[in-house]
C-alpha atoms as a PDB file:
ATOM      1  CA  UNK A   1       0.000   0.000   0.000  1.00  0.00           C
ATOM      2  CA  UNK A   2       1.295   3.455  -0.938  1.00  0.00           C
ATOM      3  CA  UNK A   3       1.931   6.138   1.664  1.00  0.00           C
ATOM      4  CA  UNK A   4       0.470   9.546   0.928  1.00  0.00           C
ATOM      5  CA  UNK A   5       2.715  12.611   0.942  1.00  0.00           C
ATOM      6  CA  UNK A   6       0.828  13.850   4.000  1.00  0.00           C
ATOM      7  CA  UNK A   7       1.551  10.646   5.921  1.00  0.00           C
ATOM      8  CA  UNK A   8       5.244  10.842   5.073  1.00  0.00           C
ATOM      9  CA  UNK A   9       5.235  14.409   6.415  1.00  0.00           C
ATOM     10  CA  UNK A  10       3.510  13.294   9.621  1.00  0.00           C
ATOM     11  CA  UNK A  11       6.114  10.538  10.008  1.00  0.00           C
ATOM     12  CA  UNK A  12       8.859  13.171   9.856  1.00  0.00           C
ATOM     13  CA  UNK A  13       7.041  15.371  12.372  1.00  0.00           C
ATOM     14  CA  UNK A  14       6.644  12.393  14.719  1.00  0.00           C
ATOM     15  CA  UNK A  15      10.387  11.661  14.476  1.00  0.00           C
ATOM     16  CA  UNK A  16      11.145  15.279  15.428  1.00  0.00           C
ATOM     17  CA  UNK A  17       8.784  15.011  18.395  1.00  0.00           C
ATOM     18  CA  UNK A  18      10.572  11.877  19.603  1.00  0.00           C
ATOM     19  CA  UNK A  19      13.995  13.474  19.206  1.00  0.00           C
ATOM     20  CA  UNK A  20      12.934  16.689  20.954  1.00  0.00           C
ATOM     21  CA  UNK A  21      11.509  14.647  23.820  1.00  0.00           C
ATOM     22  CA  UNK A  22      14.692  12.536  24.100  1.00  0.00           C
ATOM     23  CA  UNK A  23      12.986   9.221  23.349  1.00  0.00           C
ATOM     24  CA  UNK A  24      14.779   6.218  21.844  1.00  0.00           C
ATOM     25  CA  UNK A  25      11.899   5.439  19.471  1.00  0.00           C
ATOM     26  CA  UNK A  26       8.853   7.084  17.952  1.00  0.00           C
ATOM     27  CA  UNK A  27       5.993   6.278  20.303  1.00  0.00           C
ATOM     28  CA  UNK A  28       2.260   6.398  19.428  1.00  0.00           C
ATOM     29  CA  UNK A  29       1.908   9.644  21.391  1.00  0.00           C
ATOM     30  CA  UNK A  30       4.517  11.268  19.149  1.00  0.00           C
ATOM     31  CA  UNK A  31       2.551  10.122  16.111  1.00  0.00           C
ATOM     32  CA  UNK A  32      -0.657  11.560  17.579  1.00  0.00           C
ATOM     33  CA  UNK A  33       1.012  14.899  18.325  1.00  0.00           C
ATOM     34  CA  UNK A  34       2.356  14.947  14.764  1.00  0.00           C
ATOM     35  CA  UNK A  35      -1.146  14.370  13.359  1.00  0.00           C
ATOM     36  CA  UNK A  36      -2.470  17.250  15.491  1.00  0.00           C
ATOM     37  CA  UNK A  37       0.364  19.491  14.268  1.00  0.00           C
ATOM     38  CA  UNK A  38      -0.406  18.508  10.683  1.00  0.00           C
ATOM     39  CA  UNK A  39      -4.030  19.575  11.188  1.00  0.00           C
ATOM     40  CA  UNK A  40      -2.825  23.029  12.310  1.00  0.00           C
ATOM     41  CA  UNK A  41      -0.762  23.683   9.197  1.00  0.00           C
ATOM     42  CA  UNK A  42      -1.885  26.874   7.425  1.00  0.00           C
ATOM     43  CA  UNK A  43      -3.203  25.912   4.005  1.00  0.00           C
ATOM     44  CA  UNK A  44      -1.551  28.837   2.139  1.00  0.00           C
ATOM     45  CA  UNK A  45       1.825  27.877   3.621  1.00  0.00           C
ATOM     46  CA  UNK A  46       1.800  24.377   2.130  1.00  0.00           C
ATOM     47  CA  UNK A  47       3.148  25.695  -1.166  1.00  0.00           C
ATOM     48  CA  UNK A  48       6.276  26.806   0.709  1.00  0.00           C
ATOM     49  CA  UNK A  49       7.246  23.222   1.530  1.00  0.00           C
ATOM     50  CA  UNK A  50       9.057  22.934  -1.784  1.00  0.00           C
ATOM     51  CA  UNK A  51       6.519  20.511  -3.261  1.00  0.00           C
ATOM     52  CA  UNK A  52       4.813  20.939  -6.601  1.00  0.00           C
ATOM     53  CA  UNK A  53       1.383  22.489  -6.978  1.00  0.00           C
ATOM     54  CA  UNK A  54      -0.326  19.087  -7.254  1.00  0.00           C
ATOM     55  CA  UNK A  55       1.260  17.813  -4.038  1.00  0.00           C
ATOM     56  CA  UNK A  56       0.424  21.063  -2.239  1.00  0.00           C
ATOM     57  CA  UNK A  57      -3.198  20.688  -3.310  1.00  0.00           C
ATOM     58  CA  UNK A  58      -3.266  17.101  -2.049  1.00  0.00           C
ATOM     59  CA  UNK A  59      -1.711  18.127   1.274  1.00  0.00           C
ATOM     60  CA  UNK A  60      -4.290  20.885   1.668  1.00  0.00           C
ATOM     61  CA  UNK A  61      -7.084  18.373   1.061  1.00  0.00           C
ATOM     62  CA  UNK A  62      -5.620  16.002   3.643  1.00  0.00           C
ATOM     63  CA  UNK A  63      -5.315  18.809   6.207  1.00  0.00           C
ATOM     64  CA  UNK A  64      -9.007  19.612   5.749  1.00  0.00           C
ATOM     65  CA  UNK A  65      -9.930  15.929   6.031  1.00  0.00           C
ATOM     66  CA  UNK A  66      -8.048  15.569   9.324  1.00  0.00           C
ATOM     67  CA  UNK A  67      -9.575  18.788  10.646  1.00  0.00           C
ATOM     68  CA  UNK A  68     -13.008  17.384   9.829  1.00  0.00           C
ATOM     69  CA  UNK A  69     -12.270  14.150  11.702  1.00  0.00           C
ATOM     70  CA  UNK A  70     -11.073  16.068  14.765  1.00  0.00           C
ATOM     71  CA  UNK A  71     -14.226  18.205  14.734  1.00  0.00           C
ATOM     72  CA  UNK A  72     -16.333  15.057  14.464  1.00  0.00           C
ATOM     73  CA  UNK A  73     -14.838  13.744  17.692  1.00  0.00           C
ATOM     74  CA  UNK A  74     -14.755  17.127  19.413  1.00  0.00           C
ATOM     75  CA  UNK A  75     -10.969  17.132  19.848  1.00  0.00           C
ATOM     76  CA  UNK A  76      -9.293  20.485  20.499  1.00  0.00           C
ATOM     77  CA  UNK A  77      -6.033  19.877  18.639  1.00  0.00           C
ATOM     78  CA  UNK A  78      -3.898  22.646  20.167  1.00  0.00           C
ATOM     79  CA  UNK A  79      -4.948  21.980  23.762  1.00  0.00           C
ATOM     80  CA  UNK A  80      -4.630  18.208  23.344  1.00  0.00           C
ATOM     81  CA  UNK A  81      -1.194  18.468  21.764  1.00  0.00           C
ATOM     82  CA  UNK A  82       0.155  20.689  24.530  1.00  0.00           C
ATOM     83  CA  UNK A  83      -1.262  18.568  27.336  1.00  0.00           C
ATOM     84  CA  UNK A  84       0.088  15.371  25.808  1.00  0.00           C
ATOM     85  CA  UNK A  85       3.568  16.848  25.436  1.00  0.00           C
ATOM     86  CA  UNK A  86       3.513  17.887  29.100  1.00  0.00           C
ATOM     87  CA  UNK A  87       2.343  14.421  30.106  1.00  0.00           C
ATOM     88  CA  UNK A  88       5.151  12.727  28.167  1.00  0.00           C
ATOM     89  CA  UNK A  89       7.843  14.966  29.657  1.00  0.00           C
ATOM     90  CA  UNK A  90      11.398  13.819  28.719  1.00  0.00           C
ATOM     91  CA  UNK A  91      12.474  10.326  27.796  1.00  0.00           C
ATOM     92  CA  UNK A  92      16.045  10.703  29.048  1.00  0.00           C
ATOM     93  CA  UNK A  93      17.702   9.500  25.821  1.00  0.00           C
ATOM     94  CA  UNK A  94      19.167  12.523  23.977  1.00  0.00           C
ATOM     95  CA  UNK A  95      19.334  12.063  20.211  1.00  0.00           C
ATOM     96  CA  UNK A  96      22.924  11.419  19.097  1.00  0.00           C
ATOM     97  CA  UNK A  97      22.305  11.134  15.373  1.00  0.00           C
ATOM     98  CA  UNK A  98      21.330   8.395  12.986  1.00  0.00           C
ATOM     99  CA  UNK A  99      17.836   7.095  12.215  1.00  0.00           C
ATOM    100  CA  UNK A 100      15.102   7.013  14.817  1.00  0.00           C
ATOM    101  CA  UNK A 101      12.649   4.141  14.342  1.00  0.00           C
ATOM    102  CA  UNK A 102       9.052   3.559  15.302  1.00  0.00           C
ATOM    103  CA  UNK A 103       8.393   1.550  18.434  1.00  0.00           C
ATOM    104  CA  UNK A 104       6.594  -1.814  18.039  1.00  0.00           C
ATOM    105  CA  UNK A 105       3.401  -0.224  19.341  1.00  0.00           C
ATOM    106  CA  UNK A 106       3.626   2.576  16.778  1.00  0.00           C
ATOM    107  CA  UNK A 107       4.065   0.002  14.033  1.00  0.00           C
ATOM    108  CA  UNK A 108       0.862  -1.678  15.218  1.00  0.00           C
ATOM    109  CA  UNK A 109      -1.034   1.592  14.785  1.00  0.00           C
ATOM    110  CA  UNK A 110       0.253   1.941  11.239  1.00  0.00           C
ATOM    111  CA  UNK A 111      -0.867  -1.622  10.538  1.00  0.00           C
ATOM    112  CA  UNK A 112      -4.297  -0.813  11.981  1.00  0.00           C
ATOM    113  CA  UNK A 113      -4.440   2.286   9.771  1.00  0.00           C
ATOM    114  CA  UNK A 114      -3.693   0.108   6.739  1.00  0.00           C
ATOM    115  CA  UNK A 115      -6.701  -2.035   7.656  1.00  0.00           C
ATOM    116  CA  UNK A 116      -8.838   1.104   7.891  1.00  0.00           C
ATOM    117  CA  UNK A 117      -7.656   2.100   4.415  1.00  0.00           C
ATOM    118  CA  UNK A 118      -8.397  -1.376   3.073  1.00  0.00           C
ATOM    119  CA  UNK A 119     -11.914  -1.205   4.561  1.00  0.00           C
ATOM    120  CA  UNK A 120     -12.527   1.969   2.568  1.00  0.00           C
ATOM    121  CA  UNK A 121     -11.077   0.379  -0.586  1.00  0.00           C
ATOM    122  CA  UNK A 122      -8.220   2.898  -0.664  1.00  0.00           C
ATOM    123  CA  UNK A 123      -4.863   1.890  -2.113  1.00  0.00           C
ATOM    124  CA  UNK A 124      -3.157   4.848  -0.407  1.00  0.00           C
ATOM    125  CA  UNK A 125      -2.598   5.160   3.341  1.00  0.00           C
ATOM    126  CA  UNK A 126      -3.445   8.674   4.531  1.00  0.00           C
ATOM    127  CA  UNK A 127      -3.262  10.677   7.757  1.00  0.00           C
ATOM    128  CA  UNK A 128      -7.009  10.358   8.147  1.00  0.00           C
ATOM    129  CA  UNK A 129      -6.720   6.567   8.234  1.00  0.00           C
ATOM    130  CA  UNK A 130      -3.972   6.837  10.853  1.00  0.00           C
ATOM    131  CA  UNK A 131      -6.036   9.222  12.969  1.00  0.00           C
ATOM    132  CA  UNK A 132      -8.970   6.814  12.939  1.00  0.00           C
ATOM    133  CA  UNK A 133      -6.689   3.993  14.109  1.00  0.00           C
ATOM    134  CA  UNK A 134      -5.285   6.148  16.913  1.00  0.00           C
ATOM    135  CA  UNK A 135      -8.694   7.326  18.094  1.00  0.00           C
ATOM    136  CA  UNK A 136     -10.312   3.898  17.933  1.00  0.00           C
ATOM    137  CA  UNK A 137      -7.807   2.449  20.391  1.00  0.00           C
ATOM    138  CA  UNK A 138      -5.928   5.275  22.151  1.00  0.00           C
ATOM    139  CA  UNK A 139      -3.041   4.687  24.532  1.00  0.00           C
ATOM    140  CA  UNK A 140      -3.767   5.493  28.219  1.00  0.00           C
ATOM    141  CA  UNK A 141      -1.979   8.845  27.937  1.00  0.00           C
ATOM    142  CA  UNK A 142      -3.834   9.750  24.763  1.00  0.00           C
ATOM    143  CA  UNK A 143      -7.144   8.796  26.373  1.00  0.00           C
ATOM    144  CA  UNK A 144      -6.255  10.923  29.379  1.00  0.00           C
ATOM    145  CA  UNK A 145      -5.913  14.111  27.348  1.00  0.00           C
ATOM    146  CA  UNK A 146      -8.822  13.575  24.929  1.00  0.00           C
ATOM    147  CA  UNK A 147     -11.186  12.031  27.485  1.00  0.00           C
ATOM    148  CA  UNK A 148     -10.964   8.708  29.263  1.00  0.00           C
ATOM    149  CA  UNK A 149     -14.081   7.303  27.582  1.00  0.00           C
ATOM    150  CA  UNK A 150     -12.997   8.095  24.037  1.00  0.00           C
ATOM    151  CA  UNK A 151     -12.524   4.411  23.208  1.00  0.00           C
ATOM    152  CA  UNK A 152     -16.132   3.754  24.221  1.00  0.00           C
ATOM    153  CA  UNK A 153     -17.363   6.579  21.991  1.00  0.00           C
ATOM    154  CA  UNK A 154     -15.499   5.453  18.915  1.00  0.00           C
ATOM    155  CA  UNK A 155     -17.476   3.132  16.640  1.00  0.00           C
ATOM    156  CA  UNK A 156     -16.010  -0.154  15.540  1.00  0.00           C
ATOM    157  CA  UNK A 157     -15.462  -0.093  11.810  1.00  0.00           C
ATOM    158  CA  UNK A 158     -18.157  -1.735   9.721  1.00  0.00           C
ATOM    159  CA  UNK A 159     -20.015  -3.139  12.748  1.00  0.00           C
ATOM    160  CA  UNK A 160     -23.386  -2.640  11.074  1.00  0.00           C
ATOM    161  CA  UNK A 161     -24.967  -6.108  11.091  1.00  0.00           C
ATOM    162  CA  UNK A 162     -28.576  -4.997  10.517  1.00  0.00           C
ATOM    163  CA  UNK A 163     -27.661  -2.577   7.744  1.00  0.00           C
ATOM    164  CA  UNK A 164     -25.479  -5.248   6.144  1.00  0.00           C
ATOM    165  CA  UNK A 165     -28.363  -7.730   6.294  1.00  0.00           C
ATOM    166  CA  UNK A 166     -31.272  -5.458   5.333  1.00  0.00           C
ATOM    167  CA  UNK A 167     -29.672  -2.754   3.175  1.00  0.00           C
ATOM    168  CA  UNK A 168     -27.943  -2.696  -0.178  1.00  0.00           C
ATOM    169  CA  UNK A 169     -24.398  -1.382  -0.014  1.00  0.00           C
ATOM    170  CA  UNK A 170     -23.820   0.775  -3.085  1.00  0.00           C
ATOM    171  CA  UNK A 171     -20.048   0.737  -2.663  1.00  0.00           C
ATOM    172  CA  UNK A 172     -19.855  -1.398  -5.781  1.00  0.00           C
ATOM    173  CA  UNK A 173     -22.461  -0.158  -8.209  1.00  0.00           C
ATOM    174  CA  UNK A 174     -23.696  -2.380 -11.006  1.00  0.00           C
ATOM    175  CA  UNK A 175     -23.525  -0.788 -14.436  1.00  0.00           C
ATOM    176  CA  UNK A 176     -27.303  -1.103 -14.904  1.00  0.00           C
ATOM    177  CA  UNK A 177     -27.911   0.895 -11.714  1.00  0.00           C
ATOM    178  CA  UNK A 178     -26.035   3.960 -12.943  1.00  0.00           C
ATOM    179  CA  UNK A 179     -27.474   6.708 -15.123  1.00  0.00           C
ATOM    180  CA  UNK A 180     -28.478   5.149 -18.461  1.00  0.00           C
ATOM    181  CA  UNK A 181     -26.911   6.276 -21.715  1.00  0.00           C
ATOM    182  CA  UNK A 182     -28.597   9.417 -22.991  1.00  0.00           C
ATOM    183  CA  UNK A 183     -29.879  10.261 -19.524  1.00  0.00           C
ATOM    184  CA  UNK A 184     -26.708  11.838 -18.232  1.00  0.00           C
ATOM    185  CA  UNK A 185     -27.310  13.926 -15.115  1.00  0.00           C
ATOM    186  CA  UNK A 186     -23.774  14.972 -14.271  1.00  0.00           C
ATOM    187  CA  UNK A 187     -24.816  18.425 -13.018  1.00  0.00           C
ATOM    188  CA  UNK A 188     -27.332  16.929 -10.582  1.00  0.00           C
ATOM    189  CA  UNK A 189     -24.846  14.255  -9.483  1.00  0.00           C
ATOM    190  CA  UNK A 190     -22.261  16.945  -8.863  1.00  0.00           C
ATOM    191  CA  UNK A 191     -24.775  18.968  -6.839  1.00  0.00           C
ATOM    192  CA  UNK A 192     -25.528  15.929  -4.655  1.00  0.00           C
ATOM    193  CA  UNK A 193     -21.811  15.172  -4.152  1.00  0.00           C
ATOM    194  CA  UNK A 194     -21.142  18.761  -3.111  1.00  0.00           C
ATOM    195  CA  UNK A 195     -24.102  18.781  -0.719  1.00  0.00           C
ATOM    196  CA  UNK A 196     -22.992  15.536   0.971  1.00  0.00           C
ATOM    197  CA  UNK A 197     -19.387  16.760   1.320  1.00  0.00           C
ATOM    198  CA  UNK A 198     -20.188  20.065   3.021  1.00  0.00           C
ATOM    199  CA  UNK A 199     -19.216  20.544   6.652  1.00  0.00           C
ATOM    200  CA  UNK A 200     -21.817  19.504   9.173  1.00  0.00           C
ATOM    201  CA  UNK A 201     -22.783  16.234   7.415  1.00  0.00           C
ATOM    202  CA  UNK A 202     -26.236  17.560   6.573  1.00  0.00           C
ATOM    203  CA  UNK A 203     -28.674  15.197   4.926  1.00  0.00           C
ATOM    204  CA  UNK A 204     -30.036  15.844   1.444  1.00  0.00           C
ATOM    205  CA  UNK A 205     -33.649  15.934   0.280  1.00  0.00           C
ATOM    206  CA  UNK A 206     -33.984  15.202  -3.430  1.00  0.00           C
ATOM    207  CA  UNK A 207     -37.192  16.821  -4.657  1.00  0.00           C
ATOM    208  CA  UNK A 208     -38.349  14.618  -7.527  1.00  0.00           C
ATOM    209  CA  UNK A 209     -41.398  12.809  -8.850  1.00  0.00           C
ATOM    210  CA  UNK A 210     -39.661   9.550  -9.731  1.00  0.00           C
ATOM    211  CA  UNK A 211     -37.869   6.950  -7.622  1.00  0.00           C
ATOM    212  CA  UNK A 212     -36.061   5.776 -10.753  1.00  0.00           C
ATOM    213  CA  UNK A 213     -34.492   9.172 -11.385  1.00  0.00           C
ATOM    214  CA  UNK A 214     -33.291   9.360  -7.804  1.00  0.00           C
ATOM    215  CA  UNK A 215     -32.003   5.780  -7.897  1.00  0.00           C
ATOM    216  CA  UNK A 216     -29.903   6.483 -10.995  1.00  0.00           C
ATOM    217  CA  UNK A 217     -28.441   9.715  -9.579  1.00  0.00           C
ATOM    218  CA  UNK A 218     -27.611   8.122  -6.210  1.00  0.00           C
ATOM    219  CA  UNK A 219     -26.009   5.149  -7.979  1.00  0.00           C
ATOM    220  CA  UNK A 220     -23.869   7.499 -10.047  1.00  0.00           C
ATOM    221  CA  UNK A 221     -22.825   9.373  -6.898  1.00  0.00           C
ATOM    222  CA  UNK A 222     -21.921   6.084  -5.195  1.00  0.00           C
ATOM    223  CA  UNK A 223     -19.801   5.185  -8.214  1.00  0.00           C
ATOM    224  CA  UNK A 224     -18.022   8.555  -8.048  1.00  0.00           C
ATOM    225  CA  UNK A 225     -17.161   7.941  -4.386  1.00  0.00           C
ATOM    226  CA  UNK A 226     -15.944   4.424  -5.171  1.00  0.00           C
ATOM    227  CA  UNK A 227     -13.829   5.660  -8.081  1.00  0.00           C
ATOM    228  CA  UNK A 228     -12.417   8.505  -5.954  1.00  0.00           C
ATOM    229  CA  UNK A 229     -13.973  11.130  -8.208  1.00  0.00           C
ATOM    230  CA  UNK A 230     -15.700  12.769  -5.259  1.00  0.00           C
ATOM    231  CA  UNK A 231     -14.753  15.634  -2.900  1.00  0.00           C
ATOM    232  CA  UNK A 232     -12.179  14.766  -0.207  1.00  0.00           C
ATOM    233  CA  UNK A 233     -14.813  14.881   2.522  1.00  0.00           C
ATOM    234  CA  UNK A 234     -16.466  11.788   1.031  1.00  0.00           C
ATOM    235  CA  UNK A 235     -13.314   9.657   1.056  1.00  0.00           C
ATOM    236  CA  UNK A 236     -14.104   6.261   2.575  1.00  0.00           C
ATOM    237  CA  UNK A 237     -17.864   6.885   2.745  1.00  0.00           C
ATOM    238  CA  UNK A 238     -20.413   4.343   1.541  1.00  0.00           C
ATOM    239  CA  UNK A 239     -24.077   4.676   0.633  1.00  0.00           C
ATOM    240  CA  UNK A 240     -26.438   2.023   2.011  1.00  0.00           C
ATOM    241  CA  UNK A 241     -29.810   1.768   0.265  1.00  0.00           C
ATOM    242  CA  UNK A 242     -32.795   0.906   2.504  1.00  0.00           C
ATOM    243  CA  UNK A 243     -35.455   2.298   0.147  1.00  0.00           C
ATOM    244  CA  UNK A 244     -37.229  -1.074   0.105  1.00  0.00           C
ATOM    245  CA  UNK A 245     -38.189  -0.585   3.767  1.00  0.00           C
ATOM    246  CA  UNK A 246     -41.110   1.718   2.996  1.00  0.00           C
ATOM    247  CA  UNK A 247     -42.738   0.918   6.349  1.00  0.00           C
ATOM    248  CA  UNK A 248     -40.260   3.287   8.015  1.00  0.00           C
ATOM    249  CA  UNK A 249     -42.243   6.156   6.513  1.00  0.00           C
ATOM    250  CA  UNK A 250     -45.728   4.697   6.882  1.00  0.00           C
ATOM    251  CA  UNK A 251     -46.236   5.132  10.600  1.00  0.00           C
ATOM    252  CA  UNK A 252     -46.312   1.419  11.439  1.00  0.00           C
ATOM    253  CA  UNK A 253     -44.826   1.214  14.938  1.00  0.00           C
ATOM    254  CA  UNK A 254     -42.829  -1.973  14.414  1.00  0.00           C
ATOM    255  CA  UNK A 255     -41.407  -0.742  11.108  1.00  0.00           C
ATOM    256  CA  UNK A 256     -40.535   2.571  12.727  1.00  0.00           C
ATOM    257  CA  UNK A 257     -38.669   0.761  15.514  1.00  0.00           C
ATOM    258  CA  UNK A 258     -36.637  -1.119  12.925  1.00  0.00           C
ATOM    259  CA  UNK A 259     -36.019   2.153  11.153  1.00  0.00           C
ATOM    260  CA  UNK A 260     -34.755   3.841  14.309  1.00  0.00           C
ATOM    261  CA  UNK A 261     -32.426   0.900  14.908  1.00  0.00           C
ATOM    262  CA  UNK A 262     -31.013   1.154  11.392  1.00  0.00           C
ATOM    263  CA  UNK A 263     -30.579   4.912  11.687  1.00  0.00           C
ATOM    264  CA  UNK A 264     -28.831   4.488  15.049  1.00  0.00           C
ATOM    265  CA  UNK A 265     -26.551   1.839  13.582  1.00  0.00           C
ATOM    266  CA  UNK A 266     -25.668   4.195  10.711  1.00  0.00           C
ATOM    267  CA  UNK A 267     -25.010   6.997  13.207  1.00  0.00           C
ATOM    268  CA  UNK A 268     -22.521   4.800  15.071  1.00  0.00           C
ATOM    269  CA  UNK A 269     -20.188   4.613  12.074  1.00  0.00           C
ATOM    270  CA  UNK A 270     -19.503   7.921  10.388  1.00  0.00           C
ATOM    271  CA  UNK A 271     -18.756   6.309   7.039  1.00  0.00           C
ATOM    272  CA  UNK A 272     -22.387   5.406   6.259  1.00  0.00           C
ATOM    273  CA  UNK A 273     -24.776   7.549   4.221  1.00  0.00           C
ATOM    274  CA  UNK A 274     -28.313   6.118   4.265  1.00  0.00           C
ATOM    275  CA  UNK A 275     -30.600   6.236   1.236  1.00  0.00           C
ATOM    276  CA  UNK A 276     -34.066   6.329   2.804  1.00  0.00           C
ATOM    277  CA  UNK A 277     -37.469   5.458   1.325  1.00  0.00           C
ATOM    278  CA  UNK A 278     -39.308   8.357  -0.302  1.00  0.00           C
ATOM    279  CA  UNK A 279     -41.569  10.842   1.449  1.00  0.00           C
ATOM    280  CA  UNK A 280     -44.550  10.687  -0.890  1.00  0.00           C
ATOM    281  CA  UNK A 281     -47.988  10.967   0.692  1.00  0.00           C
ATOM    282  CA  UNK A 282     -50.340  12.228  -2.020  1.00  0.00           C
ATOM    283  CA  UNK A 283     -53.561  13.365  -0.342  1.00  0.00           C
ATOM    284  CA  UNK A 284     -52.648  11.827   3.037  1.00  0.00           C
ATOM    285  CA  UNK A 285     -52.056  14.877   5.209  1.00  0.00           C
ATOM    286  CA  UNK A 286     -51.947  12.967   8.515  1.00  0.00           C
ATOM    287  CA  UNK A 287     -49.510  10.420   7.131  1.00  0.00           C
ATOM    288  CA  UNK A 288     -47.304  13.165   5.748  1.00  0.00           C
ATOM    289  CA  UNK A 289     -47.330  15.085   9.030  1.00  0.00           C
ATOM    290  CA  UNK A 290     -46.404  11.944  11.001  1.00  0.00           C
ATOM    291  CA  UNK A 291     -43.648  11.066   8.558  1.00  0.00           C
ATOM    292  CA  UNK A 292     -42.316  14.635   8.639  1.00  0.00           C
ATOM    293  CA  UNK A 293     -42.100  14.661  12.428  1.00  0.00           C
ATOM    294  CA  UNK A 294     -40.330  11.291  12.471  1.00  0.00           C
ATOM    295  CA  UNK A 295     -37.763  12.073   9.740  1.00  0.00           C
ATOM    296  CA  UNK A 296     -37.029  15.568  11.009  1.00  0.00           C
ATOM    297  CA  UNK A 297     -36.298  14.179  14.473  1.00  0.00           C
ATOM    298  CA  UNK A 298     -33.870  11.648  12.995  1.00  0.00           C
ATOM    299  CA  UNK A 299     -32.023  14.160  10.819  1.00  0.00           C
ATOM    300  CA  UNK A 300     -31.830  16.957  13.365  1.00  0.00           C
ATOM    301  CA  UNK A 301     -28.333  17.610  14.675  1.00  0.00           C
ATOM    302  CA  UNK A 302     -26.609  15.714  11.853  1.00  0.00           C
ATOM    303  CA  UNK A 303     -26.162  12.546  13.905  1.00  0.00           C
ATOM    304  CA  UNK A 304     -26.794  10.528  10.758  1.00  0.00           C
ATOM    305  CA  UNK A 305     -26.475  11.585   7.121  1.00  0.00           C
ATOM    306  CA  UNK A 306     -29.205  10.518   4.731  1.00  0.00           C
ATOM    307  CA  UNK A 307     -30.449  10.939   1.185  1.00  0.00           C
ATOM    308  CA  UNK A 308     -34.213  10.952   0.778  1.00  0.00           C
ATOM    309  CA  UNK A 309     -36.534  11.601  -2.147  1.00  0.00           C
ATOM    310  CA  UNK A 310     -39.444  13.929  -1.432  1.00  0.00           C
ATOM    311  CA  UNK A 311     -42.334  14.298  -3.832  1.00  0.00           C
ATOM    312  CA  UNK A 312     -42.720  17.955  -4.887  1.00  0.00           C
ATOM    313  CA  UNK A 313     -46.232  18.183  -3.397  1.00  0.00           C
ATOM    314  CA  UNK A 314     -45.068  16.635  -0.122  1.00  0.00           C
ATOM    315  CA  UNK A 315     -42.083  18.972   0.091  1.00  0.00           C
ATOM    316  CA  UNK A 316     -44.276  21.994  -0.640  1.00  0.00           C
ATOM    317  CA  UNK A 317     -46.515  20.997   2.268  1.00  0.00           C
ATOM    318  CA  UNK A 318     -43.619  20.325   4.651  1.00  0.00           C
ATOM    319  CA  UNK A 319     -41.730  23.509   3.758  1.00  0.00           C
ATOM    320  CA  UNK A 320     -44.892  25.588   4.055  1.00  0.00           C
ATOM    321  CA  UNK A 321     -45.749  24.242   7.510  1.00  0.00           C
ATOM    322  CA  UNK A 322     -42.177  24.173   8.851  1.00  0.00           C
ATOM    323  CA  UNK A 323     -39.407  26.253   7.313  1.00  0.00           C
ATOM    324  CA  UNK A 324     -36.837  24.574   9.605  1.00  0.00           C
ATOM    325  CA  UNK A 325     -36.475  21.843   6.958  1.00  0.00           C
ATOM    326  CA  UNK A 326     -34.026  24.000   5.027  1.00  0.00           C
ATOM    327  CA  UNK A 327     -31.840  24.206   8.143  1.00  0.00           C
ATOM    328  CA  UNK A 328     -31.930  20.459   8.687  1.00  0.00           C
ATOM    329  CA  UNK A 329     -31.149  19.317   5.160  1.00  0.00           C
ATOM    330  CA  UNK A 330     -29.775  20.463   1.826  1.00  0.00           C
ATOM    331  CA  UNK A 331     -32.403  20.633  -0.920  1.00  0.00           C
ATOM    332  CA  UNK A 332     -31.597  19.449  -4.457  1.00  0.00           C
ATOM    333  CA  UNK A 333     -34.212  19.483  -7.218  1.00  0.00           C
ATOM    334  CA  UNK A 334     -34.245  16.760  -9.878  1.00  0.00           C
ATOM    335  CA  UNK A 335     -36.235  17.374 -13.044  1.00  0.00           C
ATOM    336  CA  UNK A 336     -38.477  14.525 -14.225  1.00  0.00           C
ATOM    337  CA  UNK A 337     -37.104  15.040 -17.742  1.00  0.00           C
ATOM    338  CA  UNK A 338     -33.645  16.529 -17.977  1.00  0.00           C
ATOM    339  CA  UNK A 339     -33.882  19.933 -19.616  1.00  0.00           C
ATOM    340  CA  UNK A 340     -31.996  20.177 -22.887  1.00  0.00           C
ATOM    341  CA  UNK A 341     -30.168  23.250 -21.650  1.00  0.00           C
ATOM    342  CA  UNK A 342     -29.375  22.002 -18.151  1.00  0.00           C
ATOM    343  CA  UNK A 343     -25.749  23.044 -17.523  1.00  0.00           C
ATOM    344  CA  UNK A 344     -23.400  20.139 -17.033  1.00  0.00           C
ATOM    345  CA  UNK A 345     -21.112  22.157 -14.746  1.00  0.00           C
ATOM    346  CA  UNK A 346     -22.435  23.932 -11.661  1.00  0.00           C
END
């Protein structure tokens, strides 16, 4: 597996931390401090590292990705880094030259990061993968400065048994599921990708008449994520389709309980984006109101990120009765028939 330029830089920063602290080897805490320092790098200053423009752009993307991960877990990078340095104190082994190596425990974290990368089908090991490995199983000193229960808060990767059993993972999209020839909707796909990648992990309501249109656009977006043609914020994400579970929207108590369980399972692993059944209640005002209350409660706060089709008439009713919908989710309109002059670049 290849190492990204950002990870090589973090490795160098970790070595400097170990040398400055007079340690014989690079310990996991030095690696963690290096990751936190990397996240603090000013984006305009990356071009001054002597790398080419392409590498500088990649580094900037990786910095943003790590910053996003730290925000997700509520980690104050500067405070944590300073407290961890103070906790480590001095190792008592002044650096006398030569090469400083990683400790066995540090090597284990890099191996765990490689597994994280493999889980996300990435052939390049990045700082974000390493950060996830560190946060999933922190050392006692790391846990002390970020919060002793951090290991309990961190989800176990891909532990989504109900979603795996009841949903369709769109990580590998069949050709027939993508946008058909002649029905290219690249502008709408790009709009959905951008909405999903924005900070805050807001869900997206696709206002459209047809499930088929939405299915093709979501499939194309899933393919873009798989093929790494998506914004950096979507790296390692996967879309799980549970649109067949229409009972979630109907008001049936048992179906709703299953729906809440699936949504909670998705919320426990930040990599999942759920594709929910449609909100389409033509003429059923009570059903629409009940569905609106249920879905809004699930999406509020961004604990889980979802994609959901809303029939135009249903959305008009919901938006009219409660304007808070636009604060809860991004709204993307899909035309039933693609306009001939629809711009292909937004």
